[in-house]
Protein backbone atom coordinates (compact mmCIF):
# COMPACT_ATOMS: atom_id res chain seq x y z
CA MET A 1 -99.79 31.83 5.07
CA ASN A 2 -101.55 31.31 8.36
CA ILE A 3 -105.05 29.90 8.53
CA ASN A 4 -106.14 33.02 10.37
CA LYS A 5 -104.87 35.23 7.53
CA PHE A 6 -106.61 33.73 5.35
CA ASN A 7 -109.53 23.37 -12.98
CA ASN A 8 -106.97 22.84 -14.83
CA GLY A 9 -107.39 25.13 -17.80
CA GLY A 10 -106.94 23.96 -21.35
CA SER A 11 -105.68 20.46 -20.56
CA SER A 12 -105.49 18.16 -23.59
CA PHE A 13 -105.44 15.05 -21.41
CA PRO A 14 -108.53 12.88 -20.90
CA PRO A 15 -110.18 13.60 -17.54
CA MET A 16 -109.42 11.35 -14.62
CA GLU A 17 -112.03 8.69 -14.00
CA SER A 18 -114.56 9.04 -11.19
CA GLY A 19 -113.77 7.06 -8.07
CA THR A 20 -111.89 7.06 -4.78
CA PHE A 21 -108.11 7.24 -4.82
CA GLN A 22 -105.11 7.57 -2.53
CA ALA A 23 -103.31 10.90 -3.04
CA VAL A 24 -100.90 13.33 -1.40
CA CYS A 25 -100.89 17.12 -1.10
CA VAL A 26 -97.98 18.51 -3.11
CA GLY A 27 -98.97 22.16 -3.45
CA VAL A 28 -100.40 24.93 -1.29
CA VAL A 29 -100.82 28.13 -3.32
CA ASP A 30 -102.17 31.45 -2.06
CA ILE A 31 -103.86 33.00 -5.12
CA GLY A 32 -105.10 36.08 -3.27
CA THR A 33 -108.41 37.94 -3.37
CA HIS A 34 -110.76 37.65 -6.34
CA THR A 35 -114.16 39.17 -7.06
CA GLU A 36 -116.58 36.90 -8.91
CA GLU A 37 -120.25 37.02 -9.81
CA TRP A 38 -122.44 34.54 -7.96
CA GLN A 39 -126.22 34.47 -8.32
CA GLY A 40 -126.11 37.94 -9.82
CA LYS A 41 -124.04 39.43 -7.03
CA ALA A 42 -120.37 40.36 -6.83
CA ILE A 43 -118.65 38.20 -4.22
CA THR A 44 -115.07 38.88 -3.03
CA ARG A 45 -113.15 35.85 -1.75
CA ASP A 46 -109.63 35.35 -0.41
CA GLN A 47 -108.65 32.03 -1.99
CA LEU A 48 -106.07 29.27 -2.12
CA ILE A 49 -105.46 26.29 -4.38
CA LEU A 50 -104.37 22.86 -3.11
CA LEU A 51 -102.66 20.47 -5.51
CA PHE A 52 -102.89 16.72 -5.05
CA ASP A 53 -100.78 14.10 -6.82
CA PHE A 54 -102.23 10.63 -7.46
CA PRO A 55 -99.14 8.37 -7.59
CA THR A 56 -101.23 5.30 -8.56
CA GLU A 57 -102.68 7.12 -11.58
CA MET A 58 -99.88 7.82 -14.00
CA ILE A 59 -100.01 9.72 -17.29
CA GLU A 60 -97.40 10.45 -19.96
CA ILE A 61 -96.37 14.13 -20.14
CA ASN A 62 -93.67 15.12 -22.66
CA GLY A 63 -92.54 11.50 -22.90
CA GLU A 64 -92.26 11.08 -19.11
CA GLN A 65 -94.58 9.18 -16.79
CA LYS A 66 -95.93 11.46 -14.07
CA PRO A 67 -98.74 11.13 -11.53
CA ARG A 68 -102.10 12.71 -12.24
CA CYS A 69 -102.59 15.97 -10.40
CA LEU A 70 -105.89 17.62 -9.49
CA SER A 71 -106.54 21.06 -8.02
CA LEU A 72 -108.95 22.14 -5.30
CA LYS A 73 -109.78 25.83 -5.00
CA LEU A 74 -110.97 26.93 -1.56
CA THR A 75 -112.06 30.15 0.07
CA LYS A 76 -110.05 30.80 3.24
CA SER A 77 -112.76 30.57 5.85
CA GLN A 78 -113.18 29.15 9.35
CA ASP A 79 -116.96 29.19 9.11
CA GLU A 80 -118.50 25.84 10.05
CA LYS A 81 -120.37 25.71 6.72
CA SER A 82 -117.37 26.60 4.54
CA ASN A 83 -115.95 24.05 2.09
CA MET A 84 -112.51 24.56 3.55
CA ARG A 85 -113.64 23.56 7.02
CA LYS A 86 -115.62 20.64 5.63
CA HIS A 87 -112.63 19.26 3.70
CA PHE A 88 -110.10 19.88 6.46
CA THR A 89 -112.32 18.24 9.05
CA SER A 90 -112.80 15.05 7.03
CA TRP A 91 -109.14 15.06 5.97
CA ARG A 92 -107.87 15.34 9.53
CA GLY A 93 -110.69 13.36 11.11
CA ARG A 94 -111.61 16.26 13.41
CA TRP A 95 -111.52 20.06 13.37
CA PHE A 96 -108.98 22.15 15.23
CA ASN A 97 -109.47 23.37 18.76
CA GLU A 98 -108.85 27.08 19.38
CA GLU A 99 -105.21 26.59 20.37
CA GLU A 100 -104.45 24.49 17.30
CA LEU A 101 -106.30 26.88 15.02
CA ALA A 102 -104.34 29.91 16.26
CA ASP A 103 -101.05 28.19 15.47
CA PHE A 104 -101.95 26.37 12.24
CA HIS A 105 -99.89 27.22 9.15
CA MET A 106 -100.97 26.14 5.66
CA SER A 107 -97.51 24.81 4.84
CA LYS A 108 -98.23 21.93 7.23
CA LEU A 109 -100.55 20.48 4.55
CA LEU A 110 -97.63 19.71 2.24
CA GLY A 111 -96.83 16.02 2.04
CA VAL A 112 -99.95 14.99 3.94
CA PRO A 113 -101.60 11.91 2.33
CA ALA A 114 -105.34 11.75 1.73
CA THR A 115 -108.14 9.64 0.36
CA ILE A 116 -109.86 11.65 -2.39
CA THR A 117 -113.14 11.11 -4.18
CA VAL A 118 -113.12 12.31 -7.79
CA ALA A 119 -116.33 13.04 -9.71
CA GLN A 120 -116.64 13.92 -13.38
CA LYS A 121 -118.67 16.94 -14.38
CA THR A 122 -119.68 18.14 -17.84
CA GLY A 123 -120.00 21.83 -18.74
CA ASN A 124 -119.41 24.08 -21.73
CA GLY A 125 -118.99 21.01 -23.92
CA LYS A 126 -116.13 19.61 -21.81
CA THR A 127 -115.83 16.91 -19.16
CA TYR A 128 -113.89 17.78 -16.03
CA ALA A 129 -112.60 15.70 -13.12
CA ASN A 130 -113.30 17.49 -9.85
CA ILE A 131 -112.32 16.72 -6.26
CA SER A 132 -115.62 16.20 -4.42
CA SER A 133 -114.24 15.14 -1.00
CA VAL A 134 -110.98 14.83 0.90
CA GLY A 135 -110.60 12.28 3.72
CA LYS A 136 -107.91 10.61 5.81
CA ALA A 137 -105.50 8.29 4.03
CA MET A 138 -106.13 4.58 4.47
CA LYS A 139 -103.63 2.94 6.82
CA GLY A 140 -100.88 1.17 4.96
CA MET A 141 -101.72 2.97 1.69
CA GLU A 142 -100.28 6.45 2.44
CA GLN A 143 -98.65 8.05 -0.59
CA LYS A 144 -95.36 9.99 -0.45
CA ALA A 145 -94.88 13.42 -2.05
CA SER A 146 -92.30 13.61 -4.82
CA ARG A 147 -92.43 17.44 -4.72
CA LYS A 148 -93.67 20.17 -2.40
CA ILE A 149 -94.74 23.56 -3.72
CA TYR A 150 -95.60 26.44 -1.42
CA PHE A 151 -96.48 29.99 -2.55
CA ASP A 152 -97.67 32.84 -0.31
CA LEU A 153 -98.44 36.27 -1.77
CA MET A 154 -97.44 37.82 1.57
CA ASP A 155 -94.03 36.07 1.70
CA ALA A 156 -91.48 37.08 -0.95
CA ASP A 157 -89.26 34.16 0.12
CA THR A 158 -91.82 31.79 -1.52
CA TYR A 159 -92.02 33.58 -4.88
CA SER A 160 -89.56 31.19 -6.55
CA ALA A 161 -92.31 28.53 -6.38
CA VAL A 162 -93.87 30.19 -9.43
CA GLU A 163 -91.34 28.22 -11.50
CA ASP A 164 -93.08 24.97 -10.49
CA LEU A 165 -96.68 26.13 -11.01
CA PRO A 166 -98.76 25.51 -14.12
CA ASP A 167 -99.37 28.65 -16.13
CA TRP A 168 -103.08 28.82 -15.34
CA ILE A 169 -102.36 29.17 -11.62
CA VAL A 170 -99.78 31.89 -12.28
CA LYS A 171 -102.51 33.75 -14.18
CA GLU A 172 -104.83 33.39 -11.18
CA ILE A 173 -102.17 34.92 -8.93
CA ASN A 174 -101.57 37.80 -11.35
CA SER A 175 -105.30 38.61 -11.48
CA SER A 176 -105.57 38.85 -7.69
CA ALA A 177 -106.44 42.15 -6.03
CA GLU A 178 -103.11 42.01 -4.18
CA ALA A 179 -101.02 41.66 -7.35
CA ILE A 180 -102.98 44.37 -9.13
CA ALA A 181 -102.76 46.78 -6.19
CA THR A 182 -98.99 46.42 -5.99
CA LYS A 183 -98.57 46.27 -9.78
CA THR A 184 -96.76 42.98 -9.44
CA VAL A 185 -96.55 40.45 -12.25
CA PHE A 186 -95.21 36.95 -11.61
CA MET A 187 -93.44 35.32 -14.56
CA LYS A 188 -91.50 32.12 -14.92
CA GLY A 189 -87.80 32.63 -15.45
CA LYS A 190 -87.91 36.04 -13.80
CA ALA A 191 -88.38 37.46 -10.33
CA ALA A 192 -91.70 39.14 -9.54
CA GLN A 193 -91.76 42.37 -11.47
CA GLN A 194 -93.13 45.68 -10.21
CA VAL A 195 -94.62 46.72 -13.51
CA ALA A 196 -98.00 47.64 -14.98
CA GLN A 197 -100.37 44.73 -14.41
CA MET A 198 -101.06 42.78 -17.57
CA GLY A 199 -104.57 41.51 -18.29
CA ASN A 200 -105.19 37.81 -17.68
CA GLU A 201 -108.02 35.62 -18.80
CA GLY A 202 -109.62 33.26 -16.29
CA CYS A 203 -108.98 29.55 -16.47
CA ASP A 204 -111.18 26.58 -15.91
CA GLU A 205 -110.30 24.32 -13.02
CA GLY A 206 -110.92 20.63 -12.83
CA ASP A 207 -108.83 18.00 -14.52
CA ASP A 208 -105.08 17.36 -14.63
CA CYS A 209 -102.45 20.00 -13.83
CA PRO A 210 -99.40 19.14 -15.98
CA PHE A 211 -96.22 20.74 -14.56
CA GLU A 212 -93.80 22.17 -17.11
């Protein structure tokens, strides 16, 4: 997944508190092209999801202590006003020059520490924890990744990563224009299947992403 190619639903856990935390990128997931309604118009976006672990913020999942994990959905765009460019610029401390941009691969984000600001948001009767900004990690406080998950719809060698993704992200992948066009369904415990595309309901994004 080259830069030039370019929520958590149903969580029963309390949302992460607002504040600024040290985190690390543990997942880069290409979820493909989606068409959504925005201000009354249909907008088509090629999107990815970044997953960040917060090792200092632990939560019990199935009797095991694991770090909180938040998702950040971005449209793949090099436009100066895009959220992706805004977050990448503050995360890196500067944007890429043309040479760096031409050779940048999304997998390079895996394991990169960050300072993340989390803000709570209420909607539809629920409170969500959303990533509002991503910046450089503070010196001496860099966090280490305990896992690295990379999925690229255009690279079959990465398809096994589905096993490590929460179900709501797998549903996002299956509802992409690319998966529908190729009649591909991704399922845990099985290889990608070339079968009739099954319908998938959308998921909310926001708070923790428990990994099964």
